[in-house]
Amino acid sequence: MRKLLVIGIGAGNPDHMTVQAIDGLNRADVLFIP
């Protein structure tokens, strides 16, 4: 089963990302960046 993860990084500073957000990005097969 596939999952859709929506990860927001607020103002765009990578220092403000949570550990869960970084883990989700590392596990993703595809990234969509508008």
Protein backbone atom coordinates (compact mmCIF):
# COMPACT_ATOMS: atom_id res chain seq x y z
CA MET A 1 0.00 0.00 0.00
CA ARG A 2 1.29 3.46 -0.88
CA LYS A 3 1.31 6.44 1.46
CA LEU A 4 1.07 10.13 0.82
CA LEU A 5 3.12 12.21 3.23
CA VAL A 6 2.63 15.96 3.32
CA ILE A 7 5.60 17.74 4.83
CA GLY A 8 5.65 21.49 5.36
CA ILE A 9 8.87 23.28 6.24
CA GLY A 10 7.34 26.58 7.29
CA ALA A 11 9.54 29.49 6.32
CA GLY A 12 11.90 27.18 4.45
CA ASN A 13 14.67 26.92 7.02
CA PRO A 14 15.80 23.26 7.15
CA ASP A 15 16.80 23.73 10.81
CA HIS A 16 13.08 23.97 11.68
CA MET A 17 12.18 20.54 10.26
CA THR A 18 11.24 17.79 12.68
CA VAL A 19 13.00 14.43 12.83
CA GLN A 20 9.81 12.84 11.48
CA ALA A 21 9.83 15.18 8.47
CA ILE A 22 13.46 14.37 7.67
CA ASP A 23 12.76 10.64 8.03
CA GLY A 24 9.77 10.93 5.68
CA LEU A 25 11.87 12.70 3.06
CA ASN A 26 14.58 10.06 3.34
CA ARG A 27 12.04 7.23 2.85
CA ALA A 28 10.19 8.85 -0.06
CA ASP A 29 10.44 7.33 -3.53
CA VAL A 30 9.06 10.47 -5.20
CA LEU A 31 9.14 14.13 -4.14
CA PHE A 32 6.77 16.78 -5.49
CA ILE A 33 7.97 20.32 -4.90
CA PRO A 34 5.60 23.02 -6.20
